[in-house]
Amino acid sequence: MNNSQITHWCHEIIKSQAPTGGFYIDATMGKGNDTLFFCELAGEEGKVLAFDVQVKAIEATAGLLIKNNVAERATLIMDGHEKMKKYAEPETADVICFNFGYLPGGDHSISTKAQTSIMAIEQGLEILKSGGMMSLCIYSGGDTGFEERDAILEYLKNLPPKQYVVIKNEYFNRGNNPPMPVFVFKN
């Protein structure tokens, strides 16, 4: 692996675990890079749902998917990730991906919040298939503070170990509160 960016690293982990042609959810669409990754993984047979609350995110993602000829593989939903149960049935998703924080280059006052993020994780765990995985990129410090990071980690720490394996990673030699990749595997 040549790239040490958190999203690239998470994609490599996901590729090593996820089936091609599956059902994937990008719970925090942003600029659409994870949605595009999932569309490529989905191929002709799979499907992708992607959520965001900002028009700017929907537009950026739609443009990226059109440019890469995969727009028909994804449904872009302008709604909060804490409402994903309205759009996906229990035990159906192979992978769910989160990037907590704010839209890069966007309005920093619009960001994910601890309460709704934990609600989204809870719903995501219900939607995940047995053997499925969840990828969480947790950004903290700066504008977003540490409240959301700490609340998410506390929630994940208390998941039943017979049902879930939680792996928390961190950049060990970087300052300025680098993002933290966390993976949850459903047994």
Protein backbone atom coordinates (compact mmCIF):
# COMPACT_ATOMS: atom_id res chain seq x y z
CA MET A 1 0.00 0.00 0.00
CA ASN A 2 1.57 3.26 -1.12
CA ASN A 3 -0.86 5.81 0.24
CA SER A 4 -1.19 6.55 3.95
CA GLN A 5 -4.29 8.76 3.67
CA ILE A 6 -7.03 7.49 5.97
CA THR A 7 -9.63 7.07 3.22
CA HIS A 8 -7.26 5.12 0.98
CA TRP A 9 -6.28 2.88 3.87
CA CYS A 10 -9.93 2.27 4.81
CA HIS A 11 -10.73 1.42 1.18
CA GLU A 12 -7.96 -1.19 1.17
CA ILE A 13 -9.32 -2.78 4.35
CA ILE A 14 -12.85 -2.76 2.92
CA LYS A 15 -11.69 -4.35 -0.37
CA SER A 16 -9.97 -7.11 1.59
CA GLN A 17 -13.21 -8.00 3.40
CA ALA A 18 -16.18 -7.03 1.22
CA PRO A 19 -17.74 -9.06 -1.55
CA THR A 20 -17.96 -7.46 -4.98
CA GLY A 21 -21.49 -6.87 -6.26
CA GLY A 22 -22.88 -6.28 -2.77
CA PHE A 23 -24.96 -3.65 -1.03
CA TYR A 24 -23.02 -0.74 0.41
CA ILE A 25 -23.97 2.40 2.33
CA ASP A 26 -22.00 5.63 2.38
CA ALA A 27 -23.52 7.21 5.48
CA THR A 28 -21.66 10.52 5.07
CA MET A 29 -21.42 11.25 1.33
CA GLY A 30 -19.31 14.42 1.42
CA LYS A 31 -17.61 14.94 -1.94
CA GLY A 32 -18.48 11.43 -3.10
CA ASN A 33 -15.16 9.59 -3.00
CA ASP A 34 -16.47 6.75 -0.84
CA THR A 35 -19.66 6.61 -2.91
CA LEU A 36 -17.57 6.27 -6.09
CA PHE A 37 -15.44 3.58 -4.44
CA PHE A 38 -18.60 1.65 -3.50
CA CYS A 39 -20.06 2.04 -7.00
CA GLU A 40 -16.90 0.52 -8.46
CA LEU A 41 -17.03 -2.30 -5.89
CA ALA A 42 -20.74 -2.84 -6.60
CA GLY A 43 -20.22 -3.40 -10.30
CA GLU A 44 -23.32 -4.04 -12.40
CA GLU A 45 -24.92 -6.33 -9.81
CA GLY A 46 -24.60 -4.37 -6.58
CA LYS A 47 -26.17 -1.22 -5.20
CA VAL A 48 -25.15 1.80 -3.17
CA LEU A 49 -27.05 4.18 -0.92
CA ALA A 50 -25.36 7.46 0.01
CA PHE A 51 -26.56 10.02 2.57
CA ASP A 52 -25.83 13.68 3.21
CA VAL A 53 -27.75 16.70 4.49
CA GLN A 54 -26.10 19.26 2.20
CA VAL A 55 -27.09 20.06 -1.38
CA LYS A 56 -23.42 20.82 -2.09
CA ALA A 57 -22.51 17.22 -1.20
CA ILE A 58 -25.27 15.72 -3.34
CA GLU A 59 -24.24 17.86 -6.33
CA ALA A 60 -20.52 17.07 -5.97
CA THR A 61 -21.20 13.35 -5.64
CA ALA A 62 -23.65 13.24 -8.54
CA GLY A 63 -21.09 14.98 -10.76
CA LEU A 64 -18.32 12.60 -9.73
CA LEU A 65 -20.48 9.52 -10.41
CA ILE A 66 -21.60 10.84 -13.81
CA LYS A 67 -18.00 11.64 -14.77
CA ASN A 68 -17.05 8.03 -13.92
CA ASN A 69 -20.09 6.45 -15.64
CA VAL A 70 -21.42 4.77 -12.49
CA ALA A 71 -24.31 7.07 -11.51
CA GLU A 72 -26.95 4.37 -12.08
CA ARG A 73 -25.41 2.22 -9.32
CA ALA A 74 -26.13 4.69 -6.51
CA THR A 75 -29.12 6.30 -4.91
CA LEU A 76 -28.18 9.66 -3.40
CA ILE A 77 -30.36 10.59 -0.44
CA MET A 78 -30.61 14.06 1.06
CA ASP A 79 -31.34 13.02 4.63
CA GLY A 80 -29.46 12.50 7.88
CA HIS A 81 -27.56 9.25 8.33
CA GLU A 82 -29.50 8.72 11.56
CA LYS A 83 -32.54 7.97 9.36
CA MET A 84 -30.98 5.23 7.22
CA LYS A 85 -33.43 2.62 8.54
CA LYS A 86 -36.10 4.34 6.43
CA TYR A 87 -34.15 3.33 3.33
CA ALA A 88 -32.55 -0.06 4.10
CA GLU A 89 -33.83 -3.27 5.62
CA PRO A 90 -32.17 -5.05 8.58
CA GLU A 91 -29.38 -7.52 7.79
CA THR A 92 -28.96 -6.38 4.16
CA ALA A 93 -25.76 -4.28 3.89
CA ASP A 94 -22.32 -5.73 3.33
CA VAL A 95 -20.44 -2.54 4.28
CA ILE A 96 -21.36 0.81 5.81
CA CYS A 97 -18.89 3.67 5.76
CA PHE A 98 -18.77 6.86 7.86
CA ASN A 99 -16.51 9.92 7.75
CA PHE A 100 -17.41 12.00 10.79
CA GLY A 101 -16.77 15.74 10.88
CA TYR A 102 -17.62 18.30 8.20
CA LEU A 103 -17.62 18.53 4.41
CA PRO A 104 -14.05 19.29 3.26
CA GLY A 105 -14.04 22.83 1.91
CA GLY A 106 -17.59 23.32 3.18
CA ASP A 107 -19.24 25.22 6.00
CA HIS A 108 -17.54 24.08 9.23
CA SER A 109 -20.64 24.97 11.25
CA ILE A 110 -22.41 22.04 9.54
CA SER A 111 -20.87 18.87 10.92
CA THR A 112 -21.84 15.50 12.30
CA LYS A 113 -22.86 15.48 15.96
CA ALA A 114 -22.40 12.84 18.65
CA GLN A 115 -26.08 12.13 19.28
CA THR A 116 -27.13 11.64 15.65
CA SER A 117 -23.89 9.85 14.75
CA ILE A 118 -24.46 7.27 17.49
CA MET A 119 -28.06 6.85 16.32
CA ALA A 120 -26.72 6.25 12.81
CA ILE A 121 -24.17 3.70 14.02
CA GLU A 122 -26.89 1.86 15.98
CA GLN A 123 -29.12 1.71 12.89
CA GLY A 124 -26.18 0.71 10.73
CA LEU A 125 -25.39 -2.23 13.01
CA GLU A 126 -28.97 -3.44 12.55
CA ILE A 127 -28.72 -3.01 8.76
CA LEU A 128 -25.38 -4.84 8.48
CA LYS A 129 -25.45 -8.46 7.46
CA SER A 130 -23.80 -11.06 9.63
CA GLY A 131 -20.21 -11.01 8.42
CA GLY A 132 -20.56 -7.37 7.32
CA MET A 133 -18.33 -4.51 8.33
CA MET A 134 -18.53 -0.86 9.23
CA SER A 135 -15.72 1.61 8.56
CA LEU A 136 -15.61 4.78 10.67
CA CYS A 137 -13.17 7.62 10.00
CA ILE A 138 -13.33 9.83 13.09
CA TYR A 139 -12.02 13.36 12.72
CA SER A 140 -11.60 15.42 15.88
CA GLY A 141 -9.96 18.57 17.19
CA GLY A 142 -10.13 21.94 15.48
CA ASP A 143 -13.68 22.91 14.59
CA THR A 144 -15.28 19.59 15.53
CA GLY A 145 -13.82 19.17 19.01
CA PHE A 146 -13.56 15.88 20.81
CA GLU A 147 -17.11 15.34 22.07
CA GLU A 148 -18.23 13.29 19.07
CA ARG A 149 -15.03 11.19 18.97
CA ASP A 150 -15.22 10.39 22.68
CA ALA A 151 -18.93 9.54 22.55
CA ILE A 152 -18.51 7.25 19.52
CA LEU A 153 -15.54 5.45 21.07
CA GLU A 154 -17.39 4.97 24.36
CA TYR A 155 -20.40 3.57 22.49
CA LEU A 156 -18.25 1.17 20.44
CA LYS A 157 -16.29 0.05 23.51
CA ASN A 158 -19.54 -1.24 25.01
CA LEU A 159 -20.72 -3.29 22.04
CA PRO A 160 -21.21 -6.97 22.95
CA PRO A 161 -17.93 -8.76 22.06
CA LYS A 162 -19.73 -11.95 21.02
CA GLN A 163 -21.63 -10.00 18.37
CA TYR A 164 -19.01 -7.48 17.22
CA VAL A 165 -15.27 -7.11 16.82
CA VAL A 166 -14.15 -3.47 17.08
CA ILE A 167 -10.66 -2.52 15.91
CA LYS A 168 -9.48 1.00 16.71
CA ASN A 169 -6.42 2.29 14.84
CA GLU A 170 -4.49 5.50 15.19
CA TYR A 171 -1.66 7.41 13.59
CA PHE A 172 1.03 7.07 16.23
CA ASN A 173 3.57 9.64 15.09
CA ARG A 174 1.37 12.50 13.85
CA GLY A 175 0.34 15.57 15.79
CA ASN A 176 -2.69 17.83 15.47
CA ASN A 177 -5.31 15.17 16.23
CA PRO A 178 -5.12 13.08 13.04
CA PRO A 179 -8.21 11.13 11.97
CA MET A 180 -8.81 7.78 13.61
CA PRO A 181 -9.92 4.77 11.53
CA VAL A 182 -12.13 2.27 13.36
CA PHE A 183 -13.58 -0.94 11.95
CA VAL A 184 -16.54 -2.91 13.31
CA PHE A 185 -17.12 -6.48 12.15
CA LYS A 186 -20.49 -8.11 12.81
CA ASN A 187 -20.24 -11.79 13.78
